[in-house]
C-alpha atoms as a PDB file:
ATOM      1  CA  MET A   1      32.358  11.706 -13.153  1.00  0.00           C
ATOM      2  CA  SER A   2      34.766  10.254 -15.984  1.00  0.00           C
ATOM      3  CA  LYS A   3      37.643  12.284 -17.200  1.00  0.00           C
ATOM      4  CA  THR A   4      36.656  11.906 -20.636  1.00  0.00           C
ATOM      5  CA  PHE A   5      33.367  13.706 -20.348  1.00  0.00           C
ATOM      6  CA  HIS A   6      33.890  17.753 -21.095  1.00  0.00           C
ATOM      7  CA  HIS A   7      31.433  19.955 -21.973  1.00  0.00           C
ATOM      8  CA  ILE A   8      31.655  24.251 -22.396  1.00  0.00           C
ATOM      9  CA  PHE A   9      29.487  26.802 -23.513  1.00  0.00           C
ATOM     10  CA  PHE A  10      30.928  28.553 -26.783  1.00  0.00           C
ATOM     11  CA  LEU A  11      29.635  31.498 -29.260  1.00  0.00           C
ATOM     12  CA  LYS A  12      28.908  30.753 -32.626  1.00  0.00           C
ATOM     13  CA  LYS A  13      29.346  33.940 -35.030  1.00  0.00           C
ATOM     14  CA  PRO A  14      27.475  33.422 -38.307  1.00  0.00           C
ATOM     15  CA  LYS A  15      29.260  33.761 -41.612  1.00  0.00           C
ATOM     16  CA  ASN A  16      29.140  37.695 -42.490  1.00  0.00           C
ATOM     17  CA  TYR A  17      28.954  38.591 -38.749  1.00  0.00           C
ATOM     18  CA  LEU A  18      29.469  42.365 -38.142  1.00  0.00           C
ATOM     19  CA  LYS A  19      27.887  43.118 -34.388  1.00  0.00           C
ATOM     20  CA  GLY A  20      25.070  42.020 -32.224  1.00  0.00           C
ATOM     21  CA  PRO A  21      24.476  39.517 -29.726  1.00  0.00           C
ATOM     22  CA  VAL A  22      25.812  35.783 -31.111  1.00  0.00           C
ATOM     23  CA  PRO A  23      23.873  32.487 -30.531  1.00  0.00           C
ATOM     24  CA  VAL A  24      25.364  30.641 -27.379  1.00  0.00           C
ATOM     25  CA  TYR A  25      25.995  26.688 -28.185  1.00  0.00           C
ATOM     26  CA  LEU A  26      26.776  23.571 -25.914  1.00  0.00           C
ATOM     27  CA  ARG A  27      30.096  21.453 -26.996  1.00  0.00           C
ATOM     28  CA  ILE A  28      29.878  18.099 -25.629  1.00  0.00           C
ATOM     29  CA  THR A  29      33.330  15.980 -25.298  1.00  0.00           C
ATOM     30  CA  ILE A  30      33.383  12.075 -24.797  1.00  0.00           C
ATOM     31  CA  SER A  31      36.625  10.391 -25.407  1.00  0.00           C
ATOM     32  CA  GLY A  32      37.516  13.411 -27.938  1.00  0.00           C
ATOM     33  CA  LYS A  33      34.474  13.132 -29.739  1.00  0.00           C
ATOM     34  CA  ARG A  34      32.155  15.947 -29.964  1.00  0.00           C
ATOM     35  CA  ALA A  35      28.435  16.836 -30.166  1.00  0.00           C
ATOM     36  CA  GLU A  36      27.147  19.981 -30.452  1.00  0.00           C
ATOM     37  CA  ILE A  37      23.880  21.925 -29.033  1.00  0.00           C
ATOM     38  CA  SER A  38      22.399  25.231 -29.723  1.00  0.00           C
ATOM     39  CA  ILE A  39      21.046  26.510 -26.184  1.00  0.00           C
ATOM     40  CA  ASN A  40      18.754  29.310 -27.954  1.00  0.00           C
ATOM     41  CA  LYS A  41      20.308  31.940 -26.465  1.00  0.00           C
ATOM     42  CA  LYS A  42      22.020  35.068 -27.414  1.00  0.00           C
ATOM     43  CA  ALA A  43      25.469  36.599 -25.766  1.00  0.00           C
ATOM     44  CA  ASN A  44      27.240  39.865 -26.559  1.00  0.00           C
ATOM     45  CA  PRO A  45      30.995  38.883 -27.145  1.00  0.00           C
ATOM     46  CA  ARG A  46      32.070  41.767 -25.434  1.00  0.00           C
ATOM     47  CA  LYS A  47      30.733  40.583 -22.300  1.00  0.00           C
ATOM     48  CA  TRP A  48      31.744  36.850 -23.004  1.00  0.00           C
ATOM     49  CA  LEU A  49      34.423  34.835 -20.820  1.00  0.00           C
ATOM     50  CA  SER A  50      35.411  31.916 -23.134  1.00  0.00           C
ATOM     51  CA  ASN A  51      36.909  30.117 -20.018  1.00  0.00           C
ATOM     52  CA  PRO A  52      34.597  29.244 -18.227  1.00  0.00           C
ATOM     53  CA  GLY A  53      32.082  29.953 -21.054  1.00  0.00           C
ATOM     54  CA  ARG A  54      30.068  32.168 -19.048  1.00  0.00           C
ATOM     55  CA  MET A  55      29.017  36.108 -19.058  1.00  0.00           C
ATOM     56  CA  LYS A  56      31.048  38.625 -17.110  1.00  0.00           C
ATOM     57  CA  GLY A  57      29.195  41.032 -15.057  1.00  0.00           C
ATOM     58  CA  LYS A  58      27.204  41.333 -11.882  1.00  0.00           C
ATOM     59  CA  ASP A  59      23.629  42.874 -12.895  1.00  0.00           C
ATOM     60  CA  GLU A  60      20.436  40.907 -12.309  1.00  0.00           C
ATOM     61  CA  VAL A  61      20.244  39.911 -16.375  1.00  0.00           C
ATOM     62  CA  VAL A  62      23.810  38.614 -16.578  1.00  0.00           C
ATOM     63  CA  ARG A  63      23.172  36.877 -12.922  1.00  0.00           C
ATOM     64  CA  LYS A  64      20.173  35.330 -14.420  1.00  0.00           C
ATOM     65  CA  PHE A  65      21.878  34.272 -17.735  1.00  0.00           C
ATOM     66  CA  ASN A  66      24.462  32.193 -15.572  1.00  0.00           C
ATOM     67  CA  LEU A  67      21.973  30.729 -13.483  1.00  0.00           C
ATOM     68  CA  ASP A  68      20.367  29.034 -16.741  1.00  0.00           C
ATOM     69  CA  LEU A  69      23.702  27.464 -18.164  1.00  0.00           C
ATOM     70  CA  LEU A  70      24.072  26.164 -14.902  1.00  0.00           C
ATOM     71  CA  SER A  71      20.663  24.755 -15.177  1.00  0.00           C
ATOM     72  CA  ILE A  72      21.346  23.512 -18.332  1.00  0.00           C
ATOM     73  CA  GLU A  73      24.890  21.812 -17.347  1.00  0.00           C
ATOM     74  CA  GLY A  74      23.031  20.318 -14.475  1.00  0.00           C
ATOM     75  CA  LYS A  75      20.513  18.340 -16.696  1.00  0.00           C
ATOM     76  CA  LEU A  76      23.225  17.454 -19.370  1.00  0.00           C
ATOM     77  CA  CYS A  77      25.342  15.311 -16.674  1.00  0.00           C
ATOM     78  CA  ASP A  78      21.891  13.966 -15.372  1.00  0.00           C
ATOM     79  CA  ALA A  79      21.928  12.842 -19.191  1.00  0.00           C
ATOM     80  CA  TYR A  80      24.988  11.873 -19.389  1.00  0.00           C
ATOM     81  CA  ASN A  81      24.415   9.833 -16.169  1.00  0.00           C
ATOM     82  CA  ALA A  82      21.531   8.242 -17.113  1.00  0.00           C
ATOM     83  CA  ILE A  83      23.504   6.994 -20.325  1.00  0.00           C
ATOM     84  CA  ARG A  84      26.749   5.529 -18.628  1.00  0.00           C
ATOM     85  CA  ASN A  85      24.121   3.339 -16.205  1.00  0.00           C
ATOM     86  CA  GLU A  86      22.390   2.155 -19.403  1.00  0.00           C
ATOM     87  CA  GLY A  87      25.909   1.166 -21.456  1.00  0.00           C
ATOM     88  CA  VAL A  88      28.940   3.414 -22.761  1.00  0.00           C
ATOM     89  CA  PRO A  89      28.063   7.053 -23.506  1.00  0.00           C
ATOM     90  CA  THR A  90      29.362   9.130 -26.347  1.00  0.00           C
ATOM     91  CA  ALA A  91      28.753  12.605 -27.533  1.00  0.00           C
ATOM     92  CA  THR A  92      25.939  12.076 -29.993  1.00  0.00           C
ATOM     93  CA  ALA A  93      23.772   9.825 -27.208  1.00  0.00           C
ATOM     94  CA  VAL A  94      24.608  12.559 -24.522  1.00  0.00           C
ATOM     95  CA  LYS A  95      22.945  15.023 -26.998  1.00  0.00           C
ATOM     96  CA  ASN A  96      19.761  13.144 -27.884  1.00  0.00           C
ATOM     97  CA  ARG A  97      19.020  12.395 -24.420  1.00  0.00           C
ATOM     98  CA  TYR A  98      19.448  15.967 -23.109  1.00  0.00           C
ATOM     99  CA  THR A  99      17.385  16.804 -25.830  1.00  0.00           C
ATOM    100  CA  GLY A 100      14.832  14.564 -26.193  1.00  0.00           C
ATOM    101  CA  ALA A 101      15.479  13.102 -29.556  1.00  0.00           C
ATOM    102  CA  ASP A 102      16.100   9.422 -28.335  1.00  0.00           C
ATOM    103  CA  LYS A 103      12.555   9.330 -26.786  1.00  0.00           C
ATOM    104  CA  LYS A 104      10.589   6.854 -28.939  1.00  0.00           C
ATOM    105  CA  GLN A 105       6.815   7.976 -29.456  1.00  0.00           C
ATOM    106  CA  ARG A 106       4.380   5.443 -28.015  1.00  0.00           C
ATOM    107  CA  MET A 107       1.132   5.513 -29.800  1.00  0.00           C
ATOM    108  CA  LEU A 108      -2.278   4.189 -28.367  1.00  0.00           C
ATOM    109  CA  VAL A 109      -3.961   3.323 -31.686  1.00  0.00           C
ATOM    110  CA  GLN A 110      -0.868   1.543 -32.807  1.00  0.00           C
ATOM    111  CA  ILE A 111      -0.397  -0.244 -29.585  1.00  0.00           C
ATOM    112  CA  PHE A 112      -4.215  -1.180 -29.287  1.00  0.00           C
ATOM    113  CA  GLN A 113      -3.783  -2.380 -33.339  1.00  0.00           C
ATOM    114  CA  ASP A 114      -0.670  -4.348 -32.298  1.00  0.00           C
ATOM    115  CA  HIS A 115      -2.257  -6.040 -29.478  1.00  0.00           C
ATOM    116  CA  ASN A 116      -5.726  -6.993 -31.012  1.00  0.00           C
ATOM    117  CA  LEU A 117      -3.108  -8.347 -34.239  1.00  0.00           C
ATOM    118  CA  GLU A 118      -1.347 -10.761 -31.653  1.00  0.00           C
ATOM    119  CA  MET A 119      -4.289 -11.756 -30.289  1.00  0.00           C
ATOM    120  CA  ALA A 120      -5.649 -12.815 -33.456  1.00  0.00           C
ATOM    121  CA  THR A 121      -2.751 -15.339 -33.776  1.00  0.00           C
ATOM    122  CA  LEU A 122      -4.110 -16.423 -30.414  1.00  0.00           C
ATOM    123  CA  VAL A 123      -7.555 -17.382 -31.428  1.00  0.00           C
ATOM    124  CA  PRO A 124      -8.958 -20.052 -30.898  1.00  0.00           C
ATOM    125  CA  LYS A 125      -6.221 -21.657 -28.244  1.00  0.00           C
ATOM    126  CA  GLU A 126      -6.043 -18.983 -25.896  1.00  0.00           C
ATOM    127  CA  TYR A 127      -8.636 -16.436 -26.590  1.00  0.00           C
ATOM    128  CA  SER A 128     -12.725 -16.875 -28.738  1.00  0.00           C
ATOM    129  CA  ALA A 129     -13.550 -14.745 -31.324  1.00  0.00           C
ATOM    130  CA  THR A 130     -15.640 -13.713 -29.292  1.00  0.00           C
ATOM    131  CA  THR A 131     -13.288 -11.958 -27.299  1.00  0.00           C
ATOM    132  CA  LEU A 132     -10.991 -10.397 -30.307  1.00  0.00           C
ATOM    133  CA  GLU A 133     -14.341  -9.135 -31.734  1.00  0.00           C
ATOM    134  CA  ARG A 134     -14.704  -7.114 -28.423  1.00  0.00           C
ATOM    135  CA  TYR A 135     -11.546  -5.788 -28.452  1.00  0.00           C
ATOM    136  CA  LYS A 136     -11.673  -4.680 -31.911  1.00  0.00           C
ATOM    137  CA  THR A 137     -15.070  -2.629 -31.091  1.00  0.00           C
ATOM    138  CA  SER A 138     -13.435  -1.205 -27.832  1.00  0.00           C
ATOM    139  CA  LEU A 139     -10.311  -0.084 -30.560  1.00  0.00           C
ATOM    140  CA  MET A 140     -13.277   1.281 -33.071  1.00  0.00           C
ATOM    141  CA  HIS A 141     -14.758   3.372 -30.271  1.00  0.00           C
ATOM    142  CA  THR A 142     -11.171   4.620 -28.587  1.00  0.00           C
ATOM    143  CA  VAL A 143     -10.720   6.077 -32.152  1.00  0.00           C
ATOM    144  CA  GLU A 144     -13.837   7.891 -32.499  1.00  0.00           C
ATOM    145  CA  PHE A 145     -13.022   9.458 -29.342  1.00  0.00           C
ATOM    146  CA  LEU A 146     -10.183  10.553 -30.000  1.00  0.00           C
ATOM    147  CA  LYS A 147     -11.695  11.935 -33.553  1.00  0.00           C
ATOM    148  CA  TRP A 148     -14.489  13.255 -31.346  1.00  0.00           C
ATOM    149  CA  LYS A 149     -12.338  14.681 -28.519  1.00  0.00           C
ATOM    150  CA  TYR A 150      -9.364  15.804 -29.819  1.00  0.00           C
ATOM    151  CA  LYS A 151      -9.958  15.797 -33.816  1.00  0.00           C
ATOM    152  CA  ILE A 152      -6.851  13.811 -33.871  1.00  0.00           C
ATOM    153  CA  SER A 153      -6.857  10.036 -35.335  1.00  0.00           C
ATOM    154  CA  ASP A 154      -3.809   8.973 -32.321  1.00  0.00           C
ATOM    155  CA  ILE A 155      -2.720   9.878 -29.529  1.00  0.00           C
ATOM    156  CA  ASP A 156       0.850   9.662 -27.462  1.00  0.00           C
ATOM    157  CA  ILE A 157       0.411   7.376 -24.553  1.00  0.00           C
ATOM    158  CA  CYS A 158       2.023  10.135 -22.407  1.00  0.00           C
ATOM    159  CA  SER A 159      -0.742  12.105 -23.115  1.00  0.00           C
ATOM    160  CA  ILE A 160      -3.034  10.165 -21.502  1.00  0.00           C
ATOM    161  CA  ASN A 161      -4.116  10.949 -17.796  1.00  0.00           C
ATOM    162  CA  HIS A 162      -6.954  11.191 -15.689  1.00  0.00           C
ATOM    163  CA  GLU A 163      -9.249  13.455 -17.494  1.00  0.00           C
ATOM    164  CA  PHE A 164      -8.566  11.359 -20.602  1.00  0.00           C
ATOM    165  CA  VAL A 165     -10.159   8.247 -18.804  1.00  0.00           C
ATOM    166  CA  THR A 166     -13.173  10.100 -17.245  1.00  0.00           C
ATOM    167  CA  GLY A 167     -13.606  11.746 -20.591  1.00  0.00           C
ATOM    168  CA  TYR A 168     -13.767   8.697 -22.209  1.00  0.00           C
ATOM    169  CA  ASP A 169     -16.248   7.236 -19.993  1.00  0.00           C
ATOM    170  CA  SER A 170     -18.276   9.807 -20.195  1.00  0.00           C
ATOM    171  CA  TYR A 171     -17.846   9.461 -24.234  1.00  0.00           C
ATOM    172  CA  LEU A 172     -19.316   5.964 -23.970  1.00  0.00           C
ATOM    173  CA  ARG A 173     -22.361   6.863 -22.290  1.00  0.00           C
ATOM    174  CA  SER A 174     -23.282  10.247 -23.601  1.00  0.00           C
ATOM    175  CA  VAL A 175     -22.401  10.097 -27.150  1.00  0.00           C
ATOM    176  CA  ARG A 176     -22.478   6.324 -27.961  1.00  0.00           C
ATOM    177  CA  LYS A 177     -25.154   5.409 -25.693  1.00  0.00           C
ATOM    178  CA  CYS A 178     -24.158   2.654 -24.307  1.00  0.00           C
ATOM    179  CA  ALA A 179     -25.108   0.983 -20.785  1.00  0.00           C
ATOM    180  CA  ASN A 180     -22.982   0.789 -17.632  1.00  0.00           C
ATOM    181  CA  ASN A 181     -21.932  -2.569 -17.828  1.00  0.00           C
ATOM    182  CA  THR A 182     -21.156  -2.309 -21.441  1.00  0.00           C
ATOM    183  CA  VAL A 183     -19.012   1.082 -20.755  1.00  0.00           C
ATOM    184  CA  VAL A 184     -17.196  -1.038 -17.801  1.00  0.00           C
ATOM    185  CA  LYS A 185     -16.464  -3.654 -20.458  1.00  0.00           C
ATOM    186  CA  TYR A 186     -15.497  -1.390 -22.882  1.00  0.00           C
ATOM    187  CA  ILE A 187     -12.928   0.274 -20.357  1.00  0.00           C
ATOM    188  CA  LYS A 188     -11.614  -2.617 -18.986  1.00  0.00           C
ATOM    189  CA  ASN A 189     -10.389  -3.668 -22.500  1.00  0.00           C
ATOM    190  CA  PHE A 190      -8.930  -0.106 -22.579  1.00  0.00           C
ATOM    191  CA  ARG A 191      -7.073  -0.400 -19.237  1.00  0.00           C
ATOM    192  CA  LYS A 192      -5.698  -3.503 -20.305  1.00  0.00           C
ATOM    193  CA  ILE A 193      -3.838  -1.704 -22.972  1.00  0.00           C
ATOM    194  CA  ILE A 194      -2.815   0.774 -20.545  1.00  0.00           C
ATOM    195  CA  ARG A 195      -1.489  -2.148 -18.152  1.00  0.00           C
ATOM    196  CA  ILE A 196       0.683  -3.241 -21.163  1.00  0.00           C
ATOM    197  CA  CYS A 197       2.008   0.432 -21.383  1.00  0.00           C
ATOM    198  CA  ILE A 198       3.114   0.519 -17.453  1.00  0.00           C
ATOM    199  CA  ALA A 199       4.378  -2.949 -17.797  1.00  0.00           C
ATOM    200  CA  ASN A 200       6.718  -2.034 -20.755  1.00  0.00           C
ATOM    201  CA  GLY A 201       8.169   1.027 -18.976  1.00  0.00           C
ATOM    202  CA  TRP A 202       6.232   3.353 -21.331  1.00  0.00           C
ATOM    203  CA  LEU A 203       4.026   4.819 -18.619  1.00  0.00           C
ATOM    204  CA  THR A 204       5.220   5.847 -16.005  1.00  0.00           C
ATOM    205  CA  LYS A 205       1.806   6.739 -14.081  1.00  0.00           C
ATOM    206  CA  ASP A 206      -1.424   5.002 -14.002  1.00  0.00           C
ATOM    207  CA  PRO A 207      -3.909   7.241 -15.627  1.00  0.00           C
ATOM    208  CA  PHE A 208      -6.796   4.700 -14.005  1.00  0.00           C
ATOM    209  CA  ALA A 209      -5.505   5.189 -10.320  1.00  0.00           C
ATOM    210  CA  LYS A 210      -8.640   7.252  -9.198  1.00  0.00           C
ATOM    211  CA  TYR A 211     -10.564   6.002 -11.669  1.00  0.00           C
ATOM    212  CA  LYS A 212     -13.588   3.508 -10.482  1.00  0.00           C
ATOM    213  CA  ALA A 213     -16.339   1.858 -12.092  1.00  0.00           C
ATOM    214  CA  ARG A 214     -18.444  -0.798 -10.793  1.00  0.00           C
ATOM    215  CA  VAL A 215     -20.904  -3.510 -13.133  1.00  0.00           C
ATOM    216  CA  LYS A 216     -24.302  -2.983 -11.794  1.00  0.00           C
ATOM    217  CA  VAL A 217     -26.333  -6.188 -11.060  1.00  0.00           C
ATOM    218  CA  VAL A 218     -28.789  -6.498 -13.513  1.00  0.00           C
ATOM    219  CA  GLU A 219     -32.171  -8.628 -12.593  1.00  0.00           C
ATOM    220  CA  LYS A 220     -32.400 -11.562 -15.018  1.00  0.00           C
ATOM    221  CA  ILE A 221     -35.731 -12.030 -16.090  1.00  0.00           C
ATOM    222  CA  PHE A 222     -36.603 -15.517 -17.247  1.00  0.00           C
ATOM    223  CA  LEU A 223     -39.479 -16.900 -20.348  1.00  0.00           C
ATOM    224  CA  ASN A 224     -42.627 -18.912 -18.901  1.00  0.00           C
ATOM    225  CA  GLN A 225     -43.296 -22.209 -20.568  1.00  0.00           C
ATOM    226  CA  ASP A 226     -45.480 -20.284 -22.925  1.00  0.00           C
ATOM    227  CA  GLU A 227     -43.312 -17.899 -24.014  1.00  0.00           C
ATOM    228  CA  LEU A 228     -40.374 -20.583 -24.053  1.00  0.00           C
ATOM    229  CA  LEU A 229     -42.875 -23.017 -26.489  1.00  0.00           C
ATOM    230  CA  ALA A 230     -43.758 -19.287 -28.414  1.00  0.00           C
ATOM    231  CA  VAL A 231     -40.310 -19.075 -29.274  1.00  0.00           C
ATOM    232  CA  MET A 232     -39.534 -22.795 -30.501  1.00  0.00           C
ATOM    233  CA  LYS A 233     -42.543 -22.377 -33.044  1.00  0.00           C
ATOM    234  CA  LYS A 234     -41.388 -19.671 -34.387  1.00  0.00           C
ATOM    235  CA  GLU A 235     -39.953 -19.882 -37.557  1.00  0.00           C
ATOM    236  CA  PHE A 236     -37.435 -16.898 -38.754  1.00  0.00           C
ATOM    237  CA  THR A 237     -36.597 -15.718 -42.083  1.00  0.00           C
ATOM    238  CA  ILE A 238     -33.236 -14.772 -40.998  1.00  0.00           C
ATOM    239  CA  LYS A 239     -30.939 -18.044 -40.936  1.00  0.00           C
ATOM    240  CA  ARG A 240     -29.150 -16.997 -37.866  1.00  0.00           C
ATOM    241  CA  LEU A 241     -31.825 -16.274 -35.739  1.00  0.00           C
ATOM    242  CA  ASN A 242     -33.266 -19.578 -36.536  1.00  0.00           C
ATOM    243  CA  GLN A 243     -29.798 -20.888 -35.599  1.00  0.00           C
ATOM    244  CA  VAL A 244     -29.993 -18.653 -32.187  1.00  0.00           C
ATOM    245  CA  LYS A 245     -33.026 -20.148 -31.242  1.00  0.00           C
ATOM    246  CA  CYS A 246     -32.532 -23.629 -32.102  1.00  0.00           C
ATOM    247  CA  LYS A 247     -29.245 -23.260 -29.322  1.00  0.00           C
ATOM    248  CA  PHE A 248     -31.632 -21.590 -27.221  1.00  0.00           C
ATOM    249  CA  CYS A 249     -34.136 -23.896 -27.362  1.00  0.00           C
ATOM    250  CA  SER A 250     -31.421 -27.020 -27.438  1.00  0.00           C
ATOM    251  CA  CYS A 251     -33.400 -28.512 -30.454  1.00  0.00           C
END
């Protein structure tokens, strides 16, 4: 480990301190630059050893306290090593990695929206307008599921697990009354968003790992000659339906 990296636990007495336990802080020093963290513990100054930054005594309370400090040191060193592997470590960077302050929160709905916006720029070159609409509908169902199940408008992708996926599947079937094959299509769209998160390293585990959904083969029923003629003769009052009829009957 670099000789420029140092850390020590110390007591920080509050202003106008008189007596009683004092908050314990952790000071990180790298190349002469410092950063400090409160470890949410207190110690009696009379039982504190400034060097090596530990409580003195042999009772169970002191032993557990010092073991906790040892555990904190281990996590701090892990944070330092991770930062060092990525680039040049600083006291502030190590502090933020240790506390988790450097972790950017990735939100599902925002990622889904970004995907759809990017897809829209690729219509009609790479995607059809129908495909884009399907993803928009899938996003709408996802948002509604979050409101229905969790009473929230968005969720950190790190919170998405197998339970979330199966709950979403159940929601589409029971609340939205979607048929099996429709559910599979919406879940497939949602799964693409999850694959994007995994590919970017935002998710380390695939919540779909143990999820299985299969498309059911649907028997197609064709119109007979009389039914086809009836459709061809039918004049619809809605323009869109007449357009569909023309395409269907090749008129």
